[in-house]
Protein backbone atom coordinates (compact mmCIF):
# COMPACT_ATOMS: atom_id res chain seq x y z
CA MET A 1 0.00 0.00 0.00
CA ILE A 2 1.32 3.45 -0.94
CA GLU A 3 2.17 5.65 2.03
CA LYS A 4 2.43 9.41 2.35
CA TYR A 5 5.78 11.11 2.37
CA ASN A 6 6.37 12.05 6.01
CA ALA A 7 9.59 13.70 7.11
CA VAL A 8 10.57 15.39 10.35
CA LYS A 9 12.48 18.63 9.86
CA ARG A 10 14.08 20.95 12.39
CA VAL A 11 13.60 24.49 11.08
CA PRO A 12 17.11 25.88 10.40
CA SER A 13 18.22 29.48 10.84
CA PHE A 14 18.61 30.10 7.10
CA ASP A 15 14.92 29.32 6.51
CA VAL A 16 13.49 31.96 8.86
CA ASP A 17 12.99 35.71 8.64
CA MET A 18 13.94 38.53 11.02
CA SER A 19 11.26 37.42 13.50
CA SER A 20 12.68 33.85 13.55
CA THR A 21 9.55 32.66 11.74
CA LEU A 22 9.63 30.24 8.80
CA LYS A 23 9.59 32.12 5.51
CA PRO A 24 6.68 31.10 3.27
CA VAL A 25 9.20 30.50 0.49
CA SER A 26 11.02 28.02 2.74
CA PHE A 27 7.85 25.94 2.98
CA LEU A 28 7.63 25.95 -0.82
CA ASN A 29 11.16 24.57 -0.97
CA TYR A 30 10.20 21.84 1.51
CA ALA A 31 7.11 21.03 -0.57
CA GLN A 32 9.11 20.84 -3.79
CA GLU A 33 11.57 18.38 -2.28
CA ALA A 34 8.77 16.33 -0.70
CA ALA A 35 7.09 16.08 -4.11
CA ASN A 36 10.35 14.97 -5.72
CA ILE A 37 11.04 12.29 -3.13
CA HIS A 38 7.48 10.92 -3.08
CA ALA A 39 7.34 10.88 -6.89
CA ASP A 40 10.45 8.71 -6.85
CA TYR A 41 8.79 6.46 -4.29
CA ILE A 42 5.73 5.83 -6.50
CA GLY A 43 7.85 5.38 -9.64
CA VAL A 44 7.22 8.68 -11.42
CA GLY A 45 10.24 10.67 -10.29
CA PHE A 46 12.75 12.66 -12.32
CA ASP A 47 14.88 9.70 -13.43
CA SER A 48 11.90 7.55 -14.42
CA MET A 49 10.35 10.38 -16.41
CA GLN A 50 13.62 11.04 -18.23
CA VAL A 51 13.41 7.61 -19.84
CA THR A 52 10.35 8.71 -21.83
CA ARG A 53 11.51 12.36 -22.10
CA LYS A 54 8.70 13.64 -19.90
CA GLY A 55 8.80 16.10 -17.03
CA TRP A 56 6.61 17.51 -14.30
CA VAL A 57 5.54 21.16 -14.44
CA LEU A 58 3.69 22.85 -11.60
CA SER A 59 0.56 24.57 -12.91
CA ARG A 60 -1.27 25.91 -9.83
CA MET A 61 -0.82 26.03 -6.07
CA HIS A 62 -2.99 27.07 -3.15
CA VAL A 63 -1.49 27.31 0.34
CA VAL A 64 -3.11 28.23 3.65
CA PHE A 65 -0.76 29.14 6.48
CA HIS A 66 -2.58 28.43 9.74
CA ARG A 67 0.51 29.25 11.79
CA LEU A 68 4.13 29.40 10.71
CA PRO A 69 6.68 27.53 12.84
CA LYS A 70 9.70 29.14 14.43
CA TRP A 71 13.45 28.58 14.27
CA ARG A 72 14.44 25.22 15.80
CA ASP A 73 10.86 23.89 15.85
CA ASN A 74 10.47 20.28 14.79
CA ILE A 75 7.82 19.84 12.10
CA ASN A 76 6.36 17.01 10.05
CA VAL A 77 6.10 17.62 6.30
CA LEU A 78 3.62 15.31 4.55
CA SER A 79 2.83 14.91 0.85
CA TRP A 80 0.90 12.51 -1.33
CA HIS A 81 -0.39 12.10 -4.89
CA LYS A 82 -4.18 12.02 -4.81
CA GLY A 83 -5.18 11.33 -8.42
CA ALA A 84 -5.86 13.03 -11.74
CA SER A 85 -8.40 15.54 -13.01
CA GLY A 86 -8.27 15.76 -16.78
CA LEU A 87 -4.68 16.59 -17.70
CA LEU A 88 -3.93 17.77 -14.15
CA PHE A 89 -2.32 15.59 -11.49
CA LEU A 90 -3.13 16.57 -7.92
CA ARG A 91 -0.72 16.52 -5.00
CA ASP A 92 -1.46 17.71 -1.46
CA PHE A 93 0.72 18.74 1.47
CA GLU A 94 0.33 19.23 5.21
CA VAL A 95 2.72 20.45 7.88
CA PHE A 96 2.24 19.66 11.56
CA ASP A 97 4.04 20.63 14.71
CA ASN A 98 5.86 17.46 15.67
CA ALA A 99 5.18 17.77 19.40
CA SER A 100 1.63 19.17 19.62
CA ARG A 101 0.33 17.79 16.28
CA GLU A 102 -1.13 21.23 15.54
CA LYS A 103 -1.75 21.66 11.82
CA LEU A 104 0.44 24.52 10.59
CA ILE A 105 0.08 24.52 6.79
CA SER A 106 -2.33 23.01 4.24
CA ALA A 107 -1.65 23.05 0.51
CA THR A 108 -2.86 21.60 -2.76
CA THR A 109 -1.08 21.63 -6.11
CA SER A 110 -1.96 20.82 -9.71
CA TRP A 111 0.72 19.50 -12.07
CA LEU A 112 1.04 18.93 -15.80
CA VAL A 113 3.29 16.55 -17.71
CA ILE A 114 5.24 17.96 -20.65
CA ASP A 115 7.43 16.55 -23.37
CA ILE A 116 10.88 17.81 -22.40
CA ASP A 117 12.04 18.26 -25.98
CA THR A 118 8.98 19.99 -27.46
CA ARG A 119 7.74 21.68 -24.23
CA ARG A 120 4.22 20.58 -25.19
CA LEU A 121 1.71 18.94 -22.89
CA SER A 122 1.92 15.16 -22.77
CA LYS A 123 -0.56 12.55 -21.62
CA PHE A 124 0.51 10.19 -18.86
CA PRO A 125 -1.91 7.23 -18.80
CA GLU A 126 0.45 5.16 -16.65
CA LEU A 127 -0.37 7.37 -13.68
CA VAL A 128 -3.98 8.21 -14.56
CA ASP A 129 -4.87 4.53 -14.53
CA SER A 130 -2.88 3.61 -11.40
CA ASP A 131 -5.11 3.80 -8.34
CA ASP A 132 -2.40 2.01 -6.37
CA LYS A 133 -0.19 5.09 -6.62
CA CYS A 134 -2.60 7.61 -5.11
CA ILE A 135 -4.15 8.30 -1.73
CA LYS A 136 -7.68 9.67 -1.84
CA GLU A 137 -7.35 12.15 1.01
CA ASP A 138 -7.64 15.91 0.89
CA ALA A 139 -5.49 18.47 2.62
CA MET A 140 -7.77 20.92 0.79
CA THR A 141 -10.96 19.75 -0.85
CA GLU A 142 -11.01 22.21 -3.75
CA GLN A 143 -8.37 22.26 -6.46
CA ALA A 144 -6.07 25.27 -6.64
CA PRO A 145 -8.16 27.91 -8.46
CA LYS A 146 -7.50 29.85 -11.60
CA ILE A 147 -6.89 33.53 -10.81
CA ALA A 148 -6.44 36.75 -12.77
CA MET A 149 -5.64 40.37 -12.13
CA PRO A 150 -8.92 42.05 -11.05
CA LYS A 151 -10.73 43.76 -13.90
CA GLU A 152 -10.73 47.52 -14.28
CA VAL A 153 -7.52 48.00 -12.26
CA VAL A 154 -4.25 49.42 -13.52
CA PRO A 155 -1.48 47.55 -11.70
CA GLU A 156 1.77 49.34 -10.92
CA CYS A 157 5.08 48.07 -12.28
CA VAL A 158 7.19 47.87 -9.12
CA ALA A 159 10.26 45.91 -10.25
CA VAL A 160 12.06 44.44 -13.23
CA ARG A 161 13.92 41.17 -12.78
CA ASP A 162 16.62 39.85 -15.10
CA VAL A 163 16.63 36.05 -14.91
CA ALA A 164 19.88 35.05 -13.24
CA TYR A 165 21.81 31.85 -12.48
CA SER A 166 20.25 31.42 -9.03
CA ASP A 167 16.71 31.50 -10.49
CA LEU A 168 17.12 28.43 -12.72
CA ASP A 169 16.49 24.75 -12.03
CA MET A 170 17.24 21.39 -13.65
CA MET A 171 14.55 21.92 -16.27
CA GLY A 172 16.40 24.99 -17.57
CA HIS A 173 13.72 27.50 -16.56
CA VAL A 174 12.93 29.63 -13.53
CA ASN A 175 12.15 27.39 -10.56
CA ASN A 176 8.57 27.65 -9.31
CA VAL A 177 9.64 28.77 -5.83
CA LYS A 178 11.43 31.81 -7.23
CA TYR A 179 8.18 33.43 -8.37
CA THR A 180 6.93 33.65 -4.79
CA GLU A 181 10.30 34.99 -3.67
CA TRP A 182 9.99 37.71 -6.32
CA ALA A 183 6.38 38.40 -5.28
CA MET A 184 7.23 38.74 -1.58
CA ASN A 185 10.09 41.10 -2.43
CA ALA A 186 7.69 43.20 -4.55
CA ILE A 187 5.52 43.94 -1.50
CA GLU A 188 6.26 46.73 0.97
CA LEU A 189 8.66 45.63 3.70
CA ASP A 190 6.45 46.98 6.46
CA VAL A 191 3.75 44.54 5.32
CA THR A 192 5.88 41.41 4.92
CA THR A 193 7.65 42.00 8.25
CA THR A 194 4.65 42.94 10.40
CA ARG A 195 1.76 40.93 8.97
CA HIS A 196 1.15 37.18 8.86
CA LEU A 197 0.80 35.70 5.36
CA LYS A 198 -2.46 33.77 5.62
CA GLU A 199 -2.84 32.43 2.12
CA LEU A 200 -1.28 32.33 -1.32
CA VAL A 201 -2.52 31.19 -4.71
CA ILE A 202 -0.24 31.08 -7.73
CA ASN A 203 -0.87 30.20 -11.38
CA PHE A 204 2.04 29.44 -13.70
CA ASN A 205 1.06 30.42 -17.24
CA SER A 206 4.28 30.05 -19.23
CA GLU A 207 7.87 29.18 -18.42
CA VAL A 208 10.46 31.91 -17.89
CA LYS A 209 13.86 31.17 -19.41
CA PRO A 210 17.45 32.38 -19.19
CA GLY A 211 17.82 35.83 -20.70
CA ASP A 212 14.22 36.84 -20.03
CA LYS A 213 13.40 40.15 -18.36
CA VAL A 214 10.42 39.90 -16.03
CA GLU A 215 8.34 42.96 -15.19
CA LEU A 216 6.51 42.64 -11.87
CA TYR A 217 3.13 44.38 -11.62
CA ARG A 218 1.36 44.90 -8.29
CA HIS A 219 -2.21 45.64 -7.28
CA LYS A 220 -3.28 46.01 -3.63
CA GLU A 221 -6.80 45.99 -2.21
CA ASP A 222 -8.55 45.57 1.12
CA GLY A 223 -9.84 42.12 1.97
CA GLU A 224 -12.22 40.79 4.59
CA ASP A 225 -11.65 41.36 8.31
CA GLY A 226 -8.87 43.89 7.79
CA ALA A 227 -6.81 41.68 5.46
CA LEU A 228 -4.58 43.10 2.77
CA VAL A 229 -4.73 41.34 -0.61
CA TYR A 230 -1.96 41.64 -3.18
CA TYR A 231 -1.90 40.50 -6.79
CA ILE A 232 1.58 40.19 -8.28
CA GLU A 233 1.81 39.46 -12.00
CA GLY A 234 5.04 38.72 -13.84
CA ARG A 235 5.15 39.65 -17.52
CA VAL A 236 7.72 38.80 -20.18
CA ASN A 237 7.45 40.84 -23.38
CA GLY A 238 4.01 42.01 -22.30
CA LYS A 239 2.66 38.49 -21.74
CA ALA A 240 1.74 37.22 -18.26
CA SER A 241 4.00 34.36 -17.24
CA PHE A 242 2.59 33.99 -13.71
CA ILE A 243 0.15 35.62 -11.33
CA GLU A 244 0.06 35.29 -7.57
CA LYS A 245 -2.50 36.30 -4.96
CA LEU A 246 -1.22 36.84 -1.42
CA VAL A 247 -3.46 37.54 1.57
CA PHE A 248 -1.94 39.12 4.69
């Protein structure tokens, strides 16, 4: 029987911010590695996919931060593949405090399979038809939603990012975690350092490659119960490559 990925991590100093709290981006790094390891475990990891020249691409993500752990806390990071929906493959994550079992983070992700050589979408019936590789449990019941910049707003261009060496991953494009790092850095420091990030949703629309110049556009609005909601959109040559919604 397939089991969930379940690893105990002690939060290191380089993964926290100035308040000794886990950076949201650090969780995304943990989630990415958990997905890689569990994919290997169920036989659809990087090496196995290379044989047929296929690769995983993250399409959408929705994360709810119930409470972020602190430096030196011990946490459990869980992940599992929970099945397919059309061309999307769904993977969920949960993070718990190792001692109290308090749920700290819930997340759901939607992935696509591409042909590495053509960069086009590819079917993957081996996984669609394999119920023995998935666990039908939900960290979040709804799939990560599709989002867009709100209509009738004129977002402000707040930064321009030249794709650099540290942004790239094994697939030769900007790593998915980097977009959230860019988005957090595009928000006022007095917000990111004094408010708790409650939720993020990100859609990846097209890959960003070496040599690209990414313009970051920002729109801010008031949310419910005093929340601040930010939309950060990255554009390459005028075309949206990703959009992220962050709720503080």
